[in-house]
């Protein structure tokens, strides 16, 4: 419900950027699909959507770009073309298992 309220506020204010944290967490499959459809509509209106999620399957459906973060560090970015054919679960595990070396 909280995510839906946040999206409603963003739409009402005609926000150019929508920030979401785990937006489909706790949603049933039907509500999750409806939510992603709404995000797709916002994207086609030219809105920028920044979403954090552990749900790589839904991310594959909606994202234009995907990044993998480990311990607060962005360790990998992929374009839609790159991640559509990738095994995202394997790729995620591969990067999470590597030690993170912070930039100097």
PDB file of N, CA and C in Angstrom:
ATOM      1  N   UNK A   1       0.812  -1.191   0.000  1.00  0.00           N
ATOM      2  CA  UNK A   1       0.000   0.000   0.000  1.00  0.00           C
ATOM      3  C   UNK A   1       0.861   1.263   0.000  1.00  0.00           C
ATOM      4  N   UNK A   2       1.940   1.221   0.769  1.00  0.00           N
ATOM      5  CA  UNK A   2       2.827   2.381   0.861  1.00  0.00           C
ATOM      6  C   UNK A   2       3.430   2.720  -0.509  1.00  0.00           C
ATOM      7  N   UNK A   3       3.832   1.687  -1.275  1.00  0.00           N
ATOM      8  CA  UNK A   3       4.407   1.923  -2.603  1.00  0.00           C
ATOM      9  C   UNK A   3       3.365   2.560  -3.522  1.00  0.00           C
ATOM     10  N   UNK A   4       2.131   2.068  -3.453  1.00  0.00           N
ATOM     11  CA  UNK A   4       1.066   2.619  -4.294  1.00  0.00           C
ATOM     12  C   UNK A   4       0.812   4.078  -3.947  1.00  0.00           C
ATOM     13  N   UNK A   5       0.831   4.401  -2.662  1.00  0.00           N
ATOM     14  CA  UNK A   5       0.636   5.784  -2.235  1.00  0.00           C
ATOM     15  C   UNK A   5       1.766   6.670  -2.747  1.00  0.00           C
ATOM     16  N   UNK A   6       2.990   6.171  -2.652  1.00  0.00           N
ATOM     17  CA  UNK A   6       4.135   6.933  -3.153  1.00  0.00           C
ATOM     18  C   UNK A   6       4.039   7.202  -4.651  1.00  0.00           C
ATOM     19  N   UNK A   7       3.617   6.202  -5.412  1.00  0.00           N
ATOM     20  CA  UNK A   7       3.449   6.385  -6.856  1.00  0.00           C
ATOM     21  C   UNK A   7       2.327   7.386  -7.125  1.00  0.00           C
ATOM     22  N   UNK A   8       1.238   7.293  -6.366  1.00  0.00           N
ATOM     23  CA  UNK A   8       0.127   8.229  -6.545  1.00  0.00           C
ATOM     24  C   UNK A   8       0.581   9.667  -6.308  1.00  0.00           C
ATOM     25  N   UNK A   9       1.391   9.892  -5.284  1.00  0.00           N
ATOM     26  CA  UNK A   9       1.914  11.228  -5.002  1.00  0.00           C
ATOM     27  C   UNK A   9       2.818  11.693  -6.142  1.00  0.00           C
ATOM     28  N   UNK A  10       3.687  10.810  -6.623  1.00  0.00           N
ATOM     29  CA  UNK A  10       4.588  11.165  -7.733  1.00  0.00           C
ATOM     30  C   UNK A  10       3.795  11.538  -8.977  1.00  0.00           C
ATOM     31  N   UNK A  11       2.728  10.798  -9.256  1.00  0.00           N
ATOM     32  CA  UNK A  11       1.890  11.091 -10.423  1.00  0.00           C
ATOM     33  C   UNK A  11       1.178  12.428 -10.229  1.00  0.00           C
ATOM     34  N   UNK A  12       0.612  12.636  -9.041  1.00  0.00           N
ATOM     35  CA  UNK A  12      -0.113  13.879  -8.757  1.00  0.00           C
ATOM     36  C   UNK A  12       0.794  15.101  -8.883  1.00  0.00           C
ATOM     37  N   UNK A  13       2.051  14.956  -8.486  1.00  0.00           N
ATOM     38  CA  UNK A  13       3.000  16.070  -8.557  1.00  0.00           C
ATOM     39  C   UNK A  13       3.722  16.145  -9.900  1.00  0.00           C
ATOM     40  N   UNK A  14       3.409  15.201 -10.793  1.00  0.00           N
ATOM     41  CA  UNK A  14       4.059  15.123 -12.102  1.00  0.00           C
ATOM     42  C   UNK A  14       5.588  15.092 -11.958  1.00  0.00           C
ATOM     43  N   UNK A  15       6.047  14.248 -11.015  1.00  0.00           N
ATOM     44  CA  UNK A  15       7.482  14.120 -10.746  1.00  0.00           C
ATOM     45  C   UNK A  15       8.222  13.602 -11.984  1.00  0.00           C
ATOM     46  N   UNK A  16       9.392  14.154 -12.256  1.00  0.00           N
ATOM     47  CA  UNK A  16      10.212  13.691 -13.384  1.00  0.00           C
ATOM     48  C   UNK A  16      11.005  12.455 -13.011  1.00  0.00           C
ATOM     49  N   UNK A  17      11.285  12.303 -11.710  1.00  0.00           N
ATOM     50  CA  UNK A  17      12.076  11.172 -11.224  1.00  0.00           C
ATOM     51  C   UNK A  17      11.300  10.475 -10.112  1.00  0.00           C
ATOM     52  N   UNK A  18      11.238   9.147 -10.185  1.00  0.00           N
ATOM     53  CA  UNK A  18      10.546   8.355  -9.173  1.00  0.00           C
ATOM     54  C   UNK A  18      11.569   7.408  -8.557  1.00  0.00           C
ATOM     55  N   UNK A  19      11.774   7.511  -7.244  1.00  0.00           N
ATOM     56  CA  UNK A  19      12.720   6.656  -6.526  1.00  0.00           C
ATOM     57  C   UNK A  19      11.940   5.599  -5.758  1.00  0.00           C
ATOM     58  N   UNK A  20      12.307   4.328  -5.951  1.00  0.00           N
ATOM     59  CA  UNK A  20      11.583   3.223  -5.323  1.00  0.00           C
ATOM     60  C   UNK A  20      12.549   2.254  -4.663  1.00  0.00           C
ATOM     61  N   UNK A  21      12.184   1.785  -3.490  1.00  0.00           N
ATOM     62  CA  UNK A  21      12.977   0.795  -2.775  1.00  0.00           C
ATOM     63  C   UNK A  21      12.135  -0.465  -2.606  1.00  0.00           C
ATOM     64  N   UNK A  22      12.544  -1.542  -3.245  1.00  0.00           N
ATOM     65  CA  UNK A  22      11.829  -2.819  -3.193  1.00  0.00           C
ATOM     66  C   UNK A  22      10.324  -2.628  -3.446  1.00  0.00           C
ATOM     67  N   UNK A  23       9.963  -2.045  -4.587  1.00  0.00           N
ATOM     68  CA  UNK A  23       8.563  -1.677  -4.822  1.00  0.00           C
ATOM     69  C   UNK A  23       7.588  -2.841  -4.930  1.00  0.00           C
ATOM     70  N   UNK A  24       8.045  -4.023  -5.272  1.00  0.00           N
ATOM     71  CA  UNK A  24       7.113  -5.144  -5.410  1.00  0.00           C
ATOM     72  C   UNK A  24       7.153  -6.088  -4.206  1.00  0.00           C
ATOM     73  N   UNK A  25       7.935  -5.746  -3.198  1.00  0.00           N
ATOM     74  CA  UNK A  25       8.012  -6.568  -1.994  1.00  0.00           C
ATOM     75  C   UNK A  25       6.651  -6.598  -1.303  1.00  0.00           C
ATOM     76  N   UNK A  26       6.174  -7.790  -1.026  1.00  0.00           N
ATOM     77  CA  UNK A  26       4.906  -7.930  -0.335  1.00  0.00           C
ATOM     78  C   UNK A  26       3.679  -7.871  -1.223  1.00  0.00           C
ATOM     79  N   UNK A  27       3.872  -7.653  -2.521  1.00  0.00           N
ATOM     80  CA  UNK A  27       2.722  -7.615  -3.432  1.00  0.00           C
ATOM     81  C   UNK A  27       2.438  -9.014  -3.968  1.00  0.00           C
ATOM     82  N   UNK A  28       1.167  -9.332  -4.121  1.00  0.00           N
ATOM     83  CA  UNK A  28       0.810 -10.592  -4.747  1.00  0.00           C
ATOM     84  C   UNK A  28       1.142 -10.486  -6.241  1.00  0.00           C
ATOM     85  N   UNK A  29       1.210 -11.605  -6.959  1.00  0.00           N
ATOM     86  CA  UNK A  29       1.610 -11.578  -8.369  1.00  0.00           C
ATOM     87  C   UNK A  29       0.778 -10.626  -9.233  1.00  0.00           C
ATOM     88  N   UNK A  30      -0.527 -10.577  -9.033  1.00  0.00           N
ATOM     89  CA  UNK A  30      -1.381  -9.696  -9.832  1.00  0.00           C
ATOM     90  C   UNK A  30      -1.051  -8.228  -9.559  1.00  0.00           C
ATOM     91  N   UNK A  31      -0.951  -7.861  -8.286  1.00  0.00           N
ATOM     92  CA  UNK A  31      -0.621  -6.479  -7.927  1.00  0.00           C
ATOM     93  C   UNK A  31       0.772  -6.105  -8.411  1.00  0.00           C
ATOM     94  N   UNK A  32       1.727  -7.045  -8.322  1.00  0.00           N
ATOM     95  CA  UNK A  32       3.085  -6.794  -8.813  1.00  0.00           C
ATOM     96  C   UNK A  32       3.098  -6.516 -10.303  1.00  0.00           C
ATOM     97  N   UNK A  33       2.335  -7.294 -11.066  1.00  0.00           N
ATOM     98  CA  UNK A  33       2.259  -7.091 -12.514  1.00  0.00           C
ATOM     99  C   UNK A  33       1.613  -5.747 -12.842  1.00  0.00           C
ATOM    100  N   UNK A  34       0.561  -5.392 -12.119  1.00  0.00           N
ATOM    101  CA  UNK A  34      -0.103  -4.098 -12.337  1.00  0.00           C
ATOM    102  C   UNK A  34       0.845  -2.945 -12.012  1.00  0.00           C
ATOM    103  N   UNK A  35       1.612  -3.105 -10.944  1.00  0.00           N
ATOM    104  CA  UNK A  35       2.565  -2.073 -10.537  1.00  0.00           C
ATOM    105  C   UNK A  35       3.630  -1.877 -11.613  1.00  0.00           C
ATOM    106  N   UNK A  36       4.155  -2.972 -12.140  1.00  0.00           N
ATOM    107  CA  UNK A  36       5.167  -2.869 -13.199  1.00  0.00           C
ATOM    108  C   UNK A  36       4.580  -2.241 -14.455  1.00  0.00           C
ATOM    109  N   UNK A  37       3.319  -2.515 -14.754  1.00  0.00           N
ATOM    110  CA  UNK A  37       2.659  -1.885 -15.900  1.00  0.00           C
ATOM    111  C   UNK A  37       2.584  -0.371 -15.702  1.00  0.00           C
ATOM    112  N   UNK A  38       2.264   0.052 -14.493  1.00  0.00           N
ATOM    113  CA  UNK A  38       2.224   1.477 -14.191  1.00  0.00           C
ATOM    114  C   UNK A  38       3.600   2.112 -14.357  1.00  0.00           C
ATOM    115  N   UNK A  39       4.644   1.434 -13.870  1.00  0.00           N
ATOM    116  CA  UNK A  39       6.003   1.950 -14.040  1.00  0.00           C
ATOM    117  C   UNK A  39       6.370   2.056 -15.515  1.00  0.00           C
ATOM    118  N   UNK A  40       5.946   1.081 -16.309  1.00  0.00           N
ATOM    119  CA  UNK A  40       6.213   1.105 -17.740  1.00  0.00           C
ATOM    120  C   UNK A  40       5.520   2.310 -18.395  1.00  0.00           C
ATOM    121  N   UNK A  41       4.303   2.591 -17.984  1.00  0.00           N
ATOM    122  CA  UNK A  41       3.586   3.754 -18.508  1.00  0.00           C
ATOM    123  C   UNK A  41       4.306   5.048 -18.137  1.00  0.00           C
ATOM    124  N   UNK A  42       4.768   5.141 -16.902  1.00  0.00           N
ATOM    125  CA  UNK A  42       5.514   6.332 -16.473  1.00  0.00           C
ATOM    126  C   UNK A  42       6.801   6.486 -17.283  1.00  0.00           C
ATOM    127  N   UNK A  43       7.470   5.377 -17.536  1.00  0.00           N
ATOM    128  CA  UNK A  43       8.701   5.421 -18.328  1.00  0.00           C
ATOM    129  C   UNK A  43       8.419   5.942 -19.730  1.00  0.00           C
ATOM    130  N   UNK A  44       7.318   5.489 -20.323  1.00  0.00           N
ATOM    131  CA  UNK A  44       6.972   5.934 -21.668  1.00  0.00           C
ATOM    132  C   UNK A  44       6.542   7.410 -21.706  1.00  0.00           C
ATOM    133  N   UNK A  45       6.191   7.958 -20.543  1.00  0.00           N
ATOM    134  CA  UNK A  45       5.898   9.386 -20.440  1.00  0.00           C
ATOM    135  C   UNK A  45       7.179  10.202 -20.257  1.00  0.00           C
ATOM    136  N   UNK A  46       8.319   9.515 -20.205  1.00  0.00           N
ATOM    137  CA  UNK A  46       9.601  10.203 -20.060  1.00  0.00           C
ATOM    138  C   UNK A  46      10.075  10.351 -18.632  1.00  0.00           C
ATOM    139  N   UNK A  47       9.412   9.691 -17.698  1.00  0.00           N
ATOM    140  CA  UNK A  47       9.832   9.749 -16.300  1.00  0.00           C
ATOM    141  C   UNK A  47      11.037   8.843 -16.090  1.00  0.00           C
ATOM    142  N   UNK A  48      11.931   9.282 -15.235  1.00  0.00           N
ATOM    143  CA  UNK A  48      13.069   8.448 -14.847  1.00  0.00           C
ATOM    144  C   UNK A  48      12.675   7.663 -13.607  1.00  0.00           C
ATOM    145  N   UNK A  49      12.938   6.368 -13.614  1.00  0.00           N
ATOM    146  CA  UNK A  49      12.588   5.521 -12.485  1.00  0.00           C
ATOM    147  C   UNK A  49      13.857   4.855 -11.970  1.00  0.00           C
ATOM    148  N   UNK A  50      14.151   5.083 -10.714  1.00  0.00           N
ATOM    149  CA  UNK A  50      15.316   4.484 -10.053  1.00  0.00           C
ATOM    150  C   UNK A  50      14.762   3.513  -9.012  1.00  0.00           C
ATOM    151  N   UNK A  51      15.063   2.245  -9.182  1.00  0.00           N
ATOM    152  CA  UNK A  51      14.471   1.224  -8.343  1.00  0.00           C
ATOM    153  C   UNK A  51      15.553   0.312  -7.783  1.00  0.00           C
ATOM    154  N   UNK A  52      15.510   0.076  -6.478  1.00  0.00           N
ATOM    155  CA  UNK A  52      16.372  -0.937  -5.882  1.00  0.00           C
ATOM    156  C   UNK A  52      15.514  -2.167  -5.637  1.00  0.00           C
ATOM    157  N   UNK A  53      16.061  -3.338  -5.950  1.00  0.00           N
ATOM    158  CA  UNK A  53      15.307  -4.567  -5.744  1.00  0.00           C
ATOM    159  C   UNK A  53      16.241  -5.769  -5.707  1.00  0.00           C
ATOM    160  N   UNK A  54      15.799  -6.796  -5.028  1.00  0.00           N
ATOM    161  CA  UNK A  54      16.483  -8.084  -5.060  1.00  0.00           C
ATOM    162  C   UNK A  54      15.783  -9.021  -6.033  1.00  0.00           C
ATOM    163  N   UNK A  55      14.685  -8.585  -6.593  1.00  0.00           N
ATOM    164  CA  UNK A  55      13.873  -9.399  -7.496  1.00  0.00           C
ATOM    165  C   UNK A  55      14.398  -9.254  -8.930  1.00  0.00           C
ATOM    166  N   UNK A  56      15.411 -10.063  -9.269  1.00  0.00           N
ATOM    167  CA  UNK A  56      16.051  -9.939 -10.581  1.00  0.00           C
ATOM    168  C   UNK A  56      15.099 -10.289 -11.728  1.00  0.00           C
ATOM    169  N   UNK A  57      14.098 -11.081 -11.440  1.00  0.00           N
ATOM    170  CA  UNK A  57      13.160 -11.477 -12.496  1.00  0.00           C
ATOM    171  C   UNK A  57      12.269 -10.300 -12.894  1.00  0.00           C
ATOM    172  N   UNK A  58      11.784  -9.553 -11.916  1.00  0.00           N
ATOM    173  CA  UNK A  58      10.986  -8.358 -12.229  1.00  0.00           C
ATOM    174  C   UNK A  58      11.876  -7.256 -12.790  1.00  0.00           C
ATOM    175  N   UNK A  59      13.093  -7.157 -12.300  1.00  0.00           N
ATOM    176  CA  UNK A  59      14.015  -6.147 -12.831  1.00  0.00           C
ATOM    177  C   UNK A  59      14.241  -6.382 -14.323  1.00  0.00           C
ATOM    178  N   UNK A  60      14.367  -7.621 -14.718  1.00  0.00           N
ATOM    179  CA  UNK A  60      14.571  -7.960 -16.129  1.00  0.00           C
ATOM    180  C   UNK A  60      13.392  -7.461 -16.973  1.00  0.00           C
ATOM    181  N   UNK A  61      12.191  -7.518 -16.418  1.00  0.00           N
ATOM    182  CA  UNK A  61      10.994  -7.110 -17.155  1.00  0.00           C
ATOM    183  C   UNK A  61      10.935  -5.610 -17.391  1.00  0.00           C
ATOM    184  N   UNK A  62      11.367  -4.824 -16.442  1.00  0.00           N
ATOM    185  CA  UNK A  62      11.108  -3.385 -16.476  1.00  0.00           C
ATOM    186  C   UNK A  62      12.339  -2.516 -16.742  1.00  0.00           C
ATOM    187  N   UNK A  63      13.516  -2.986 -16.381  1.00  0.00           N
ATOM    188  CA  UNK A  63      14.698  -2.118 -16.395  1.00  0.00           C
ATOM    189  C   UNK A  63      15.260  -1.861 -17.788  1.00  0.00           C
ATOM    190  N   UNK A  64      15.819  -0.670 -17.952  1.00  0.00           N
ATOM    191  CA  UNK A  64      16.603  -0.336 -19.140  1.00  0.00           C
ATOM    192  C   UNK A  64      18.086  -0.582 -18.869  1.00  0.00           C
ATOM    193  N   UNK A  65      18.465  -0.353 -17.614  1.00  0.00           N
ATOM    194  CA  UNK A  65      19.828  -0.614 -17.151  1.00  0.00           C
ATOM    195  C   UNK A  65      19.746  -1.269 -15.793  1.00  0.00           C
ATOM    196  N   UNK A  66      20.745  -2.068 -15.502  1.00  0.00           N
ATOM    197  CA  UNK A  66      20.751  -2.811 -14.253  1.00  0.00           C
ATOM    198  C   UNK A  66      22.137  -2.707 -13.636  1.00  0.00           C
ATOM    199  N   UNK A  67      22.179  -2.482 -12.347  1.00  0.00           N
ATOM    200  CA  UNK A  67      23.450  -2.427 -11.642  1.00  0.00           C
ATOM    201  C   UNK A  67      23.445  -3.398 -10.480  1.00  0.00           C
ATOM    202  N   UNK A  68      24.599  -3.949 -10.190  1.00  0.00           N
ATOM    203  CA  UNK A  68      24.746  -4.844  -9.043  1.00  0.00           C
ATOM    204  C   UNK A  68      25.606  -4.115  -8.016  1.00  0.00           C
ATOM    205  N   UNK A  69      25.062  -4.026  -6.802  1.00  0.00           N
ATOM    206  CA  UNK A  69      25.793  -3.372  -5.716  1.00  0.00           C
ATOM    207  C   UNK A  69      26.154  -4.407  -4.663  1.00  0.00           C
ATOM    208  N   UNK A  70      27.351  -4.271  -4.134  1.00  0.00           N
ATOM    209  CA  UNK A  70      27.822  -5.131  -3.055  1.00  0.00           C
ATOM    210  C   UNK A  70      28.411  -4.219  -1.986  1.00  0.00           C
ATOM    211  N   UNK A  71      27.894  -4.347  -0.783  1.00  0.00           N
ATOM    212  CA  UNK A  71      28.366  -3.556   0.353  1.00  0.00           C
ATOM    213  C   UNK A  71      28.424  -2.065   0.026  1.00  0.00           C
ATOM    214  N   UNK A  72      27.395  -1.589  -0.677  1.00  0.00           N
ATOM    215  CA  UNK A  72      27.300  -0.168  -0.998  1.00  0.00           C
ATOM    216  C   UNK A  72      28.118   0.291  -2.185  1.00  0.00           C
ATOM    217  N   UNK A  73      28.765  -0.634  -2.881  1.00  0.00           N
ATOM    218  CA  UNK A  73      29.587  -0.284  -4.043  1.00  0.00           C
ATOM    219  C   UNK A  73      28.957  -0.851  -5.311  1.00  0.00           C
ATOM    220  N   UNK A  74      28.844  -0.016  -6.326  1.00  0.00           N
ATOM    221  CA  UNK A  74      28.364  -0.475  -7.623  1.00  0.00           C
ATOM    222  C   UNK A  74      29.490  -1.257  -8.286  1.00  0.00           C
ATOM    223  N   UNK A  75      29.276  -2.565  -8.496  1.00  0.00           N
ATOM    224  CA  UNK A  75      30.347  -3.417  -8.996  1.00  0.00           C
ATOM    225  C   UNK A  75      30.130  -3.864 -10.445  1.00  0.00           C
ATOM    226  N   UNK A  76      28.917  -3.706 -10.964  1.00  0.00           N
ATOM    227  CA  UNK A  76      28.651  -4.131 -12.337  1.00  0.00           C
ATOM    228  C   UNK A  76      27.420  -3.395 -12.853  1.00  0.00           C
ATOM    229  N   UNK A  77      27.478  -2.937 -14.091  1.00  0.00           N
ATOM    230  CA  UNK A  77      26.312  -2.365 -14.752  1.00  0.00           C
ATOM    231  C   UNK A  77      26.114  -3.079 -16.080  1.00  0.00           C
ATOM    232  N   UNK A  78      24.857  -3.218 -16.452  1.00  0.00           N
ATOM    233  CA  UNK A  78      24.508  -3.891 -17.699  1.00  0.00           C
ATOM    234  C   UNK A  78      23.408  -3.104 -18.404  1.00  0.00           C
ATOM    235  N   UNK A  79      23.458  -3.082 -19.722  1.00  0.00           N
ATOM    236  CA  UNK A  79      22.371  -2.504 -20.506  1.00  0.00           C
ATOM    237  C   UNK A  79      21.292  -3.560 -20.689  1.00  0.00           C
ATOM    238  N   UNK A  80      20.128  -3.149 -21.160  1.00  0.00           N
ATOM    239  CA  UNK A  80      19.026  -4.089 -21.402  1.00  0.00           C
ATOM    240  C   UNK A  80      19.483  -5.220 -22.321  1.00  0.00           C
ATOM    241  N   UNK A  81      20.181  -4.891 -23.400  1.00  0.00           N
ATOM    242  CA  UNK A  81      20.651  -5.933 -24.322  1.00  0.00           C
ATOM    243  C   UNK A  81      21.570  -6.925 -23.622  1.00  0.00           C
ATOM    244  N   UNK A  82      22.416  -6.419 -22.728  1.00  0.00           N
ATOM    245  CA  UNK A  82      23.353  -7.300 -22.028  1.00  0.00           C
ATOM    246  C   UNK A  82      22.650  -8.205 -21.023  1.00  0.00           C
ATOM    247  N   UNK A  83      21.704  -7.671 -20.254  1.00  0.00           N
ATOM    248  CA  UNK A  83      21.118  -8.509 -19.212  1.00  0.00           C
ATOM    249  C   UNK A  83      19.945  -9.358 -19.676  1.00  0.00           C
ATOM    250  N   UNK A  84      19.382  -9.080 -20.837  1.00  0.00           N
ATOM    251  CA  UNK A  84      18.265  -9.905 -21.304  1.00  0.00           C
ATOM    252  C   UNK A  84      18.690 -11.354 -21.543  1.00  0.00           C
ATOM    253  N   UNK A  85      19.906 -11.557 -21.989  1.00  0.00           N
ATOM    254  CA  UNK A  85      20.390 -12.910 -22.263  1.00  0.00           C
ATOM    255  C   UNK A  85      21.216 -13.489 -21.118  1.00  0.00           C
ATOM    256  N   UNK A  86      21.489 -12.678 -20.103  1.00  0.00           N
ATOM    257  CA  UNK A  86      22.355 -13.119 -19.007  1.00  0.00           C
ATOM    258  C   UNK A  86      21.574 -13.933 -17.972  1.00  0.00           C
ATOM    259  N   UNK A  87      22.286 -14.797 -17.289  1.00  0.00           N
ATOM    260  CA  UNK A  87      21.740 -15.504 -16.131  1.00  0.00           C
ATOM    261  C   UNK A  87      21.968 -14.577 -14.935  1.00  0.00           C
ATOM    262  N   UNK A  88      20.974 -13.734 -14.644  1.00  0.00           N
ATOM    263  CA  UNK A  88      21.150 -12.701 -13.627  1.00  0.00           C
ATOM    264  C   UNK A  88      21.408 -13.266 -12.242  1.00  0.00           C
ATOM    265  N   UNK A  89      20.772 -14.367 -11.924  1.00  0.00           N
ATOM    266  CA  UNK A  89      20.985 -14.966 -10.610  1.00  0.00           C
ATOM    267  C   UNK A  89      22.440 -15.417 -10.466  1.00  0.00           C
ATOM    268  N   UNK A  90      22.973 -16.076 -11.472  1.00  0.00           N
ATOM    269  CA  UNK A  90      24.366 -16.518 -11.433  1.00  0.00           C
ATOM    270  C   UNK A  90      25.307 -15.318 -11.389  1.00  0.00           C
ATOM    271  N   UNK A  91      25.022 -14.309 -12.203  1.00  0.00           N
ATOM    272  CA  UNK A  91      25.861 -13.119 -12.253  1.00  0.00           C
ATOM    273  C   UNK A  91      25.875 -12.406 -10.899  1.00  0.00           C
ATOM    274  N   UNK A  92      24.719 -12.285 -10.284  1.00  0.00           N
ATOM    275  CA  UNK A  92      24.628 -11.651  -8.971  1.00  0.00           C
ATOM    276  C   UNK A  92      25.461 -12.406  -7.945  1.00  0.00           C
ATOM    277  N   UNK A  93      25.277 -13.718  -7.895  1.00  0.00           N
ATOM    278  CA  UNK A  93      26.023 -14.531  -6.930  1.00  0.00           C
ATOM    279  C   UNK A  93      27.524 -14.415  -7.184  1.00  0.00           C
ATOM    280  N   UNK A  94      27.911 -14.412  -8.443  1.00  0.00           N
ATOM    281  CA  UNK A  94      29.333 -14.289  -8.795  1.00  0.00           C
ATOM    282  C   UNK A  94      29.923 -13.004  -8.230  1.00  0.00           C
ATOM    283  N   UNK A  95      29.224 -11.890  -8.361  1.00  0.00           N
ATOM    284  CA  UNK A  95      29.753 -10.616  -7.875  1.00  0.00           C
ATOM    285  C   UNK A  95      29.671 -10.492  -6.359  1.00  0.00           C
ATOM    286  N   UNK A  96      28.650 -11.048  -5.758  1.00  0.00           N
ATOM    287  CA  UNK A  96      28.501 -10.968  -4.309  1.00  0.00           C
ATOM    288  C   UNK A  96      29.589 -11.771  -3.610  1.00  0.00           C
ATOM    289  N   UNK A  97      30.036 -12.846  -4.224  1.00  0.00           N
ATOM    290  CA  UNK A  97      31.065 -13.696  -3.621  1.00  0.00           C
ATOM    291  C   UNK A  97      32.460 -13.082  -3.714  1.00  0.00           C
ATOM    292  N   UNK A  98      32.667 -12.118  -4.609  1.00  0.00           N
ATOM    293  CA  UNK A  98      33.977 -11.467  -4.744  1.00  0.00           C
ATOM    294  C   UNK A  98      34.193 -10.479  -3.609  1.00  0.00           C
ATOM    295  N   UNK A  99      35.436 -10.344  -3.174  1.00  0.00           N
ATOM    296  CA  UNK A  99      35.697  -9.317  -2.160  1.00  0.00           C
ATOM    297  C   UNK A  99      35.575  -7.931  -2.796  1.00  0.00           C
ATOM    298  N   UNK A 100      35.007  -6.993  -2.049  1.00  0.00           N
ATOM    299  CA  UNK A 100      34.868  -5.625  -2.527  1.00  0.00           C
ATOM    300  C   UNK A 100      36.112  -4.842  -2.151  1.00  0.00           C
ATOM    301  N   UNK A 101      36.703  -4.208  -3.141  1.00  0.00           N
ATOM    302  CA  UNK A 101      37.885  -3.370  -2.917  1.00  0.00           C
ATOM    303  C   UNK A 101      37.456  -1.931  -3.130  1.00  0.00           C
ATOM    304  N   UNK A 102      37.276  -1.142  -2.057  1.00  0.00           N
ATOM    305  CA  UNK A 102      36.825   0.245  -2.200  1.00  0.00           C
ATOM    306  C   UNK A 102      37.815   1.075  -3.014  1.00  0.00           C
ATOM    307  N   UNK A 103      37.268   2.025  -3.765  1.00  0.00           N
ATOM    308  CA  UNK A 103      38.118   2.931  -4.542  1.00  0.00           C
ATOM    309  C   UNK A 103      38.928   3.798  -3.586  1.00  0.00           C
ATOM    310  N   UNK A 104      40.135   4.119  -4.010  1.00  0.00           N
ATOM    311  CA  UNK A 104      41.023   4.927  -3.159  1.00  0.00           C
ATOM    312  C   UNK A 104      40.609   6.374  -3.150  1.00  0.00           C
TER     313      UNK A 104
END
